């Protein structure tokens, strides 16, 4: 997958482009992306996913991003796995926010993307004051030579699947519900940093990943997980909680990887958080920590055994 990141100066060959924020890349988002991929294959031209960074809402409100399900790196990884040819991360500024809908279509969709098809959700809005609508996009498409495919919202149990719904499930720690709505597990991608090495002293070395303050996390506690290191996926047990001695409440995801004992400081790893095991406890001693981890590992074995045997 080719990436075009944080620049508004580029030019693609003729393509099928899908627009959206795609936070969480849930099943509704996937319908749009799959349509772009099918049209791409049918016509023999590349597919492109177009998203803004930062999220337009936060720019317009003048606030830092918060409760983002996937960081840009995580979103890009998921999209790449789906087979998209181009990933475009367009910088959203107030100048872009104030761009007339007609200008956006001419300058971006026509001149830069050379779109043959534009795939969007039925509620897609664009341009200054969100004045651009699907009918306007279709009318401009007739002028500039592209067609529009607009998808209705996808529902699950009679409720529209949305990024807002995903955030609610993550905040509850219901990782199974997240999987149902996305077809994949909640992920954390980050670089392993030095911690206090307490786990190593009691025989349970962990990999610590610092978390962007804008990323949403499940409740503090211990989770069954998978961790991928250098392309190999391992069972693991992961703790989510505040970073020790952090005054600002900075969060860290700390994972113990089963059947693994390598120094991986500086390595980028992928953690899939799949099932809540228990809430966070106040530790009384290192022996208390060790006994908790041993119990957690038993619960982890039972959980994976359940997965295998149904």
Protein backbone atom coordinates (compact mmCIF):
# COMPACT_ATOMS: atom_id res chain seq x y z
CA UNK A 1 0.00 0.00 0.00
CA UNK A 2 1.29 3.43 -0.92
CA UNK A 3 0.76 6.22 1.60
CA UNK A 4 0.28 9.94 1.15
CA UNK A 5 0.54 11.45 4.61
CA UNK A 6 -0.09 14.98 5.84
CA UNK A 7 0.22 16.72 2.49
CA UNK A 8 -2.38 18.39 0.29
CA UNK A 9 -0.12 18.34 -2.76
CA UNK A 10 -0.29 15.06 -4.67
CA UNK A 11 -1.68 13.55 -7.84
CA UNK A 12 -2.98 10.02 -8.28
CA UNK A 13 -3.71 8.08 -11.42
CA UNK A 14 -7.40 7.52 -12.09
CA UNK A 15 -8.80 5.68 -9.07
CA UNK A 16 -11.78 4.50 -7.03
CA UNK A 17 -11.80 6.61 -3.86
CA UNK A 18 -13.65 5.95 -0.62
CA UNK A 19 -14.14 8.83 1.82
CA UNK A 20 -14.58 8.75 5.58
CA UNK A 21 -13.01 9.05 8.99
CA UNK A 22 -13.03 5.25 9.50
CA UNK A 23 -12.27 5.36 13.23
CA UNK A 24 -12.41 1.73 14.35
CA UNK A 25 -12.95 0.54 10.75
CA UNK A 26 -16.20 -1.16 11.76
CA UNK A 27 -18.35 -3.36 9.52
CA UNK A 28 -20.17 -0.34 8.09
CA UNK A 29 -16.85 1.20 7.05
CA UNK A 30 -15.79 -2.13 5.61
CA UNK A 31 -18.79 -2.20 3.27
CA UNK A 32 -17.60 1.04 1.69
CA UNK A 33 -14.00 -0.14 1.44
CA UNK A 34 -14.99 -3.49 -0.05
CA UNK A 35 -17.09 -1.74 -2.67
CA UNK A 36 -14.08 0.36 -3.64
CA UNK A 37 -11.92 -2.76 -3.83
CA UNK A 38 -14.45 -4.58 -6.02
CA UNK A 39 -14.78 -1.61 -8.39
CA UNK A 40 -11.00 -1.35 -8.47
CA UNK A 41 -10.69 -4.98 -9.51
CA UNK A 42 -13.54 -4.70 -12.02
CA UNK A 43 -12.09 -1.64 -13.77
CA UNK A 44 -8.40 -2.42 -13.31
CA UNK A 45 -7.59 0.89 -11.62
CA UNK A 46 -6.28 1.47 -8.07
CA UNK A 47 -8.35 1.95 -4.94
CA UNK A 48 -7.73 4.85 -2.59
CA UNK A 49 -8.93 5.57 0.94
CA UNK A 50 -9.15 9.26 1.83
CA UNK A 51 -9.30 10.37 5.45
CA UNK A 52 -8.60 13.59 7.32
CA UNK A 53 -6.12 14.13 10.15
CA UNK A 54 -6.87 15.52 12.66
CA UNK A 55 -10.54 14.68 12.84
CA UNK A 56 -12.41 17.73 11.46
CA UNK A 57 -14.66 18.03 14.54
CA UNK A 58 -11.72 18.70 16.84
CA UNK A 59 -10.15 21.25 14.49
CA UNK A 60 -13.38 23.19 14.15
CA UNK A 61 -13.94 23.09 17.92
CA UNK A 62 -10.32 24.03 18.61
CA UNK A 63 -9.80 21.04 20.91
CA UNK A 64 -7.18 18.28 20.99
CA UNK A 65 -8.34 14.88 19.77
CA UNK A 66 -9.72 12.49 22.37
CA UNK A 67 -11.33 9.03 22.52
CA UNK A 68 -9.86 8.02 19.18
CA UNK A 69 -10.33 4.27 18.68
CA UNK A 70 -7.37 3.77 16.35
CA UNK A 71 -4.28 5.94 16.11
CA UNK A 72 -3.28 6.85 12.52
CA UNK A 73 -0.75 4.02 12.56
CA UNK A 74 -3.36 1.49 13.70
CA UNK A 75 -5.94 2.65 11.19
CA UNK A 76 -3.38 2.47 8.42
CA UNK A 77 -2.45 -1.09 9.41
CA UNK A 78 -6.08 -2.26 9.30
CA UNK A 79 -6.70 -0.61 5.93
CA UNK A 80 -3.50 -2.08 4.48
CA UNK A 81 -4.58 -5.56 5.59
CA UNK A 82 -7.80 -5.07 3.62
CA UNK A 83 -5.86 -4.55 0.40
CA UNK A 84 -6.32 -0.84 -0.38
CA UNK A 85 -3.77 0.52 -2.89
CA UNK A 86 -3.47 4.12 -1.65
CA UNK A 87 -3.93 5.48 1.86
CA UNK A 88 -4.37 9.27 1.89
CA UNK A 89 -4.17 11.16 5.18
CA UNK A 90 -5.14 14.69 4.23
CA UNK A 91 -4.23 17.48 6.70
CA UNK A 92 -7.40 19.13 7.98
CA UNK A 93 -6.99 22.83 8.76
CA UNK A 94 -9.36 25.75 9.07
CA UNK A 95 -8.49 26.63 5.47
CA UNK A 96 -9.80 23.22 4.43
CA UNK A 97 -12.82 23.65 6.71
CA UNK A 98 -13.66 26.91 4.92
CA UNK A 99 -13.26 25.46 1.42
CA UNK A 100 -16.47 25.60 -0.59
CA UNK A 101 -17.92 22.19 -1.48
CA UNK A 102 -17.56 22.88 -5.20
CA UNK A 103 -13.91 23.89 -4.77
CA UNK A 104 -13.14 20.72 -2.79
CA UNK A 105 -14.57 18.57 -5.56
CA UNK A 106 -12.68 20.39 -8.30
CA UNK A 107 -9.33 20.73 -6.53
CA UNK A 108 -9.17 17.44 -4.63
CA UNK A 109 -11.55 14.87 -6.13
CA UNK A 110 -11.02 15.91 -9.75
CA UNK A 111 -7.51 17.38 -10.00
CA UNK A 112 -5.65 15.37 -7.36
CA UNK A 113 -7.54 12.09 -7.06
CA UNK A 114 -8.75 11.80 -10.67
CA UNK A 115 -11.66 9.84 -9.26
CA UNK A 116 -13.63 7.49 -11.51
CA UNK A 117 -15.96 6.48 -8.66
CA UNK A 118 -16.51 8.10 -5.25
CA UNK A 119 -17.75 5.74 -2.52
CA UNK A 120 -19.32 7.33 0.58
CA UNK A 121 -21.85 6.78 3.32
CA UNK A 122 -25.33 8.15 2.72
CA UNK A 123 -24.79 10.87 5.35
CA UNK A 124 -21.54 12.13 3.75
CA UNK A 125 -21.15 15.91 4.04
CA UNK A 126 -18.29 18.02 2.74
CA UNK A 127 -17.22 21.60 2.19
CA UNK A 128 -17.66 24.74 4.28
CA UNK A 129 -20.35 24.33 6.91
CA UNK A 130 -20.90 20.75 5.69
CA UNK A 131 -22.90 22.27 2.85
CA UNK A 132 -21.99 19.57 0.35
CA UNK A 133 -24.52 16.74 0.03
CA UNK A 134 -24.85 13.53 -1.97
CA UNK A 135 -27.09 15.21 -4.63
CA UNK A 136 -24.50 17.99 -5.06
CA UNK A 137 -21.70 15.42 -5.26
CA UNK A 138 -23.61 13.50 -7.93
CA UNK A 139 -24.26 16.68 -9.91
CA UNK A 140 -20.59 17.67 -9.75
CA UNK A 141 -19.67 14.12 -10.73
CA UNK A 142 -21.54 14.56 -13.98
CA UNK A 143 -19.44 17.67 -14.61
CA UNK A 144 -16.10 16.14 -13.69
CA UNK A 145 -16.61 12.61 -14.95
CA UNK A 146 -17.06 10.48 -11.83
CA UNK A 147 -19.93 8.43 -10.42
CA UNK A 148 -21.08 8.31 -6.80
CA UNK A 149 -21.94 5.19 -4.78
CA UNK A 150 -23.64 6.03 -1.48
CA UNK A 151 -24.27 3.30 1.12
CA UNK A 152 -27.00 3.24 3.73
CA UNK A 153 -25.95 2.73 7.33
CA UNK A 154 -25.34 -0.87 8.39
CA UNK A 155 -27.28 -2.12 11.41
CA UNK A 156 -26.68 -4.80 14.02
CA UNK A 157 -29.62 -5.86 16.19
CA UNK A 158 -31.62 -2.97 14.69
CA UNK A 159 -29.03 -0.40 15.78
CA UNK A 160 -26.81 1.55 13.40
CA UNK A 161 -23.16 0.48 13.70
CA UNK A 162 -21.08 3.55 14.44
CA UNK A 163 -17.77 4.62 15.92
CA UNK A 164 -19.74 6.06 18.85
CA UNK A 165 -21.14 2.60 19.57
CA UNK A 166 -17.64 1.12 19.39
CA UNK A 167 -16.37 3.66 21.93
CA UNK A 168 -19.17 2.74 24.31
CA UNK A 169 -18.21 -0.95 24.16
CA UNK A 170 -14.50 -0.22 24.66
CA UNK A 171 -15.27 1.94 27.69
CA UNK A 172 -17.30 -0.95 29.16
CA UNK A 173 -14.47 -3.39 28.48
CA UNK A 174 -16.72 -5.52 26.28
CA UNK A 175 -14.10 -6.67 23.82
CA UNK A 176 -16.39 -9.36 22.42
CA UNK A 177 -18.92 -6.71 21.38
CA UNK A 178 -16.12 -4.76 19.72
CA UNK A 179 -15.20 -7.88 17.77
CA UNK A 180 -18.81 -8.44 16.72
CA UNK A 181 -19.08 -4.90 15.33
CA UNK A 182 -15.74 -4.88 13.54
CA UNK A 183 -14.85 -8.49 12.76
CA UNK A 184 -11.49 -7.99 14.48
CA UNK A 185 -10.08 -7.36 17.93
CA UNK A 186 -9.24 -4.02 19.51
CA UNK A 187 -5.59 -3.29 18.78
CA UNK A 188 -2.75 -1.27 20.24
CA UNK A 189 0.34 -0.62 18.15
CA UNK A 190 3.36 0.97 19.79
CA UNK A 191 7.04 0.92 20.49
CA UNK A 192 8.31 -1.07 23.47
CA UNK A 193 9.85 1.26 26.03
CA UNK A 194 11.84 0.72 29.20
CA UNK A 195 9.72 0.23 32.31
CA UNK A 196 10.67 -0.48 35.91
CA UNK A 197 11.59 -4.13 35.07
CA UNK A 198 9.67 -5.35 38.12
CA UNK A 199 8.11 -8.18 36.13
CA UNK A 200 11.50 -9.48 35.09
CA UNK A 201 12.65 -9.72 38.72
CA UNK A 202 9.80 -12.15 39.53
CA UNK A 203 10.07 -14.18 36.35
CA UNK A 204 7.39 -12.41 34.28
CA UNK A 205 9.10 -9.88 31.99
CA UNK A 206 6.68 -7.52 30.28
CA UNK A 207 6.74 -5.27 27.24
CA UNK A 208 5.52 -1.75 27.98
CA UNK A 209 3.93 0.41 25.29
CA UNK A 210 3.22 4.09 25.93
CA UNK A 211 -0.20 5.18 24.70
CA UNK A 212 -1.20 8.34 22.88
CA UNK A 213 -3.34 10.51 25.20
CA UNK A 214 -5.93 10.78 22.42
CA UNK A 215 -6.52 7.00 22.20
CA UNK A 216 -9.43 5.41 23.99
CA UNK A 217 -8.66 2.35 26.14
CA UNK A 218 -10.78 -0.25 27.91
CA UNK A 219 -11.10 0.06 31.71
CA UNK A 220 -8.00 -0.45 33.83
CA UNK A 221 -7.48 -4.12 34.40
CA UNK A 222 -6.07 -7.37 33.04
CA UNK A 223 -7.01 -8.83 29.65
CA UNK A 224 -6.42 -11.93 27.56
CA UNK A 225 -4.57 -10.87 24.44
CA UNK A 226 -2.40 -11.74 21.51
CA UNK A 227 0.86 -9.93 20.84
CA UNK A 228 2.61 -9.88 17.48
CA UNK A 229 6.38 -9.38 17.51
CA UNK A 230 8.41 -9.39 14.30
CA UNK A 231 5.51 -10.98 12.44
CA UNK A 232 4.93 -13.82 14.95
CA UNK A 233 1.70 -13.89 17.00
CA UNK A 234 1.88 -15.08 20.62
CA UNK A 235 -0.65 -15.57 23.37
CA UNK A 236 -0.22 -12.91 26.03
CA UNK A 237 -1.74 -11.33 29.11
CA UNK A 238 -2.05 -7.56 29.10
CA UNK A 239 -2.50 -4.96 31.82
CA UNK A 240 -4.06 -1.59 31.05
CA UNK A 241 -3.51 1.20 33.55
CA UNK A 242 -1.80 4.45 34.48
CA UNK A 243 1.92 4.67 34.01
CA UNK A 244 3.73 4.39 37.37
CA UNK A 245 4.76 7.77 38.82
CA UNK A 246 2.90 9.65 36.09
CA UNK A 247 1.50 12.90 37.45
CA UNK A 248 -0.57 13.55 34.31
CA UNK A 249 -2.23 10.14 34.37
CA UNK A 250 -0.37 8.92 31.29
CA UNK A 251 -1.50 5.41 30.37
CA UNK A 252 0.57 2.36 29.56
CA UNK A 253 -0.30 -1.03 28.10
CA UNK A 254 1.94 -3.70 29.60
CA UNK A 255 1.94 -7.22 28.20
CA UNK A 256 3.50 -10.50 29.30
CA UNK A 257 4.12 -12.63 26.22
CA UNK A 258 3.89 -16.39 26.76
CA UNK A 259 6.76 -18.58 25.57
CA UNK A 260 8.84 -15.54 24.70
CA UNK A 261 12.01 -14.14 26.25
CA UNK A 262 13.73 -11.63 24.00
CA UNK A 263 14.86 -8.07 24.59
CA UNK A 264 12.62 -6.03 22.27
CA UNK A 265 13.11 -2.45 23.51
CA UNK A 266 12.49 -0.10 20.60
CA UNK A 267 10.59 -2.74 18.65
CA UNK A 268 7.09 -1.90 17.39
CA UNK A 269 4.58 -4.53 18.49
CA UNK A 270 0.86 -5.12 17.91
CA UNK A 271 -1.36 -6.11 20.84
CA UNK A 272 -4.88 -7.47 20.33
CA UNK A 273 -6.95 -7.05 23.51
CA UNK A 274 -9.59 -9.76 23.30
CA UNK A 275 -11.19 -10.49 26.69
CA UNK A 276 -11.50 -8.88 30.12
CA UNK A 277 -10.12 -11.10 32.89
CA UNK A 278 -10.22 -8.95 36.03
CA UNK A 279 -10.13 -5.41 37.35
CA UNK A 280 -6.96 -3.76 38.61
CA UNK A 281 -5.98 -4.51 42.21
CA UNK A 282 -3.88 -2.51 44.65
CA UNK A 283 -0.64 -4.43 45.05
CA UNK A 284 0.60 -5.22 48.54
CA UNK A 285 3.99 -6.70 47.67
CA UNK A 286 6.00 -8.39 44.93
CA UNK A 287 4.79 -11.75 46.23
CA UNK A 288 1.23 -10.50 45.89
CA UNK A 289 1.94 -9.42 42.30
CA UNK A 290 3.49 -12.80 41.50
CA UNK A 291 0.51 -14.71 42.91
CA UNK A 292 -1.90 -12.49 40.93
CA UNK A 293 -0.03 -13.13 37.70
CA UNK A 294 -0.05 -16.88 38.36
CA UNK A 295 -3.82 -16.78 38.88
CA UNK A 296 -4.22 -14.61 35.77
CA UNK A 297 -2.30 -17.16 33.73
CA UNK A 298 -4.64 -19.92 34.90
CA UNK A 299 -7.62 -17.80 33.87
CA UNK A 300 -5.90 -17.11 30.56
CA UNK A 301 -5.41 -20.82 29.91
CA UNK A 302 -9.07 -21.47 30.74
CA UNK A 303 -10.18 -18.71 28.38
CA UNK A 304 -8.10 -19.98 25.44
CA UNK A 305 -9.25 -23.54 26.19
CA UNK A 306 -12.83 -22.30 25.94
CA UNK A 307 -12.07 -20.71 22.59
CA UNK A 308 -10.64 -23.96 21.27
CA UNK A 309 -13.45 -26.18 22.55
CA UNK A 310 -16.26 -23.71 21.95
